[in-house]
Amino acid sequence: MVQVLKDRYGNILGSTKPEGNRENIYDKSGNRLGYFDGHKTFDIYSNFIGEGNLLVLLLKI
């Protein structure tokens, strides 16, 4: 199920979408920014971001 992420004014910032065992995050243009594997968050280049679901940190606002 796709979850659309919006700011307080209703502008779309991006979305998250589960795909298999991962949850991917996309910007408003549809570009993939990274993923959460259930334990850790990684950016698009598979660089470790942190423990837990930190996907919203990858959005460039």
C-alpha atoms as a PDB file:
ATOM      1  CA  MET A   1       0.000   0.000   0.000  1.00  0.00           C
ATOM      2  CA  VAL A   2       1.467   3.336  -1.060  1.00  0.00           C
ATOM      3  CA  GLN A   3       1.619   6.012   1.634  1.00  0.00           C
ATOM      4  CA  VAL A   4       1.756   9.597   0.356  1.00  0.00           C
ATOM      5  CA  LEU A   5       3.787  11.996   2.508  1.00  0.00           C
ATOM      6  CA  LYS A   6       2.563  15.602   2.675  1.00  0.00           C
ATOM      7  CA  ASP A   7       3.637  18.743   4.483  1.00  0.00           C
ATOM      8  CA  ARG A   8       1.301  20.724   6.734  1.00  0.00           C
ATOM      9  CA  TYR A   9      -0.009  22.674   3.724  1.00  0.00           C
ATOM     10  CA  GLY A  10      -0.984  19.546   1.802  1.00  0.00           C
ATOM     11  CA  ASN A  11       1.912  19.662  -0.677  1.00  0.00           C
ATOM     12  CA  ILE A  12       3.164  16.217  -1.663  1.00  0.00           C
ATOM     13  CA  LEU A  13       6.744  15.584  -0.545  1.00  0.00           C
ATOM     14  CA  GLY A  14       7.049  11.963  -1.592  1.00  0.00           C
ATOM     15  CA  SER A  15       5.728   8.486  -0.945  1.00  0.00           C
ATOM     16  CA  THR A  16       6.660   5.157   0.591  1.00  0.00           C
ATOM     17  CA  LYS A  17       5.856   1.818  -0.974  1.00  0.00           C
ATOM     18  CA  PRO A  18       6.488  -1.676   0.397  1.00  0.00           C
ATOM     19  CA  GLU A  19       8.131  -4.007  -2.119  1.00  0.00           C
ATOM     20  CA  GLY A  20       8.882  -7.489  -0.849  1.00  0.00           C
ATOM     21  CA  ASN A  21      10.752  -7.277   2.459  1.00  0.00           C
ATOM     22  CA  ARG A  22      11.762  -3.662   1.864  1.00  0.00           C
ATOM     23  CA  GLU A  23       9.977  -0.348   2.133  1.00  0.00           C
ATOM     24  CA  ASN A  24      11.183   2.131  -0.493  1.00  0.00           C
ATOM     25  CA  ILE A  25      10.853   5.901  -0.384  1.00  0.00           C
ATOM     26  CA  TYR A  26      10.346   8.052  -3.495  1.00  0.00           C
ATOM     27  CA  ASP A  27      10.445  11.817  -3.973  1.00  0.00           C
ATOM     28  CA  LYS A  28       7.538  13.675  -5.559  1.00  0.00           C
ATOM     29  CA  SER A  29       9.028  13.072  -9.032  1.00  0.00           C
ATOM     30  CA  GLY A  30       9.064   9.307  -8.485  1.00  0.00           C
ATOM     31  CA  ASN A  31      12.836   8.934  -7.995  1.00  0.00           C
ATOM     32  CA  ARG A  32      13.803   6.290  -5.444  1.00  0.00           C
ATOM     33  CA  LEU A  33      15.762   7.788  -2.534  1.00  0.00           C
ATOM     34  CA  GLY A  34      16.419   4.732  -0.374  1.00  0.00           C
ATOM     35  CA  TYR A  35      14.958   1.795   1.497  1.00  0.00           C
ATOM     36  CA  PHE A  36      14.279   0.283   4.903  1.00  0.00           C
ATOM     37  CA  ASP A  37      14.987  -3.459   5.190  1.00  0.00           C
ATOM     38  CA  GLY A  38      13.087  -4.067   8.428  1.00  0.00           C
ATOM     39  CA  HIS A  39      15.980  -3.167  10.723  1.00  0.00           C
ATOM     40  CA  LYS A  40      18.181  -0.563   9.014  1.00  0.00           C
ATOM     41  CA  THR A  41      17.746   2.350   6.602  1.00  0.00           C
ATOM     42  CA  PHE A  42      19.943   2.792   3.514  1.00  0.00           C
ATOM     43  CA  ASP A  43      20.112   5.506   0.854  1.00  0.00           C
ATOM     44  CA  ILE A  44      19.936   4.887  -2.903  1.00  0.00           C
ATOM     45  CA  TYR A  45      23.666   4.023  -2.972  1.00  0.00           C
ATOM     46  CA  SER A  46      23.256   1.441  -0.159  1.00  0.00           C
ATOM     47  CA  ASN A  47      25.009   3.700   2.349  1.00  0.00           C
ATOM     48  CA  PHE A  48      23.900   2.953   5.915  1.00  0.00           C
ATOM     49  CA  ILE A  49      21.781   5.793   7.368  1.00  0.00           C
ATOM     50  CA  GLY A  50      20.790   4.373  10.750  1.00  0.00           C
ATOM     51  CA  GLU A  51      18.916   1.791  12.807  1.00  0.00           C
ATOM     52  CA  GLY A  52      15.134   1.786  12.438  1.00  0.00           C
ATOM     53  CA  ASN A  53      12.883   3.373   9.838  1.00  0.00           C
ATOM     54  CA  LEU A  54      14.493   6.742   9.008  1.00  0.00           C
ATOM     55  CA  LEU A  55      13.179   7.037   5.461  1.00  0.00           C
ATOM     56  CA  VAL A  56      11.743  10.543   5.881  1.00  0.00           C
ATOM     57  CA  LEU A  57      15.269  11.821   6.566  1.00  0.00           C
ATOM     58  CA  LEU A  58      16.088  11.099   2.922  1.00  0.00           C
ATOM     59  CA  LEU A  59      13.499  13.592   1.612  1.00  0.00           C
ATOM     60  CA  LYS A  60      15.088  16.825   0.409  1.00  0.00           C
ATOM     61  CA  ILE A  61      12.616  19.476   1.484  1.00  0.00           C
END
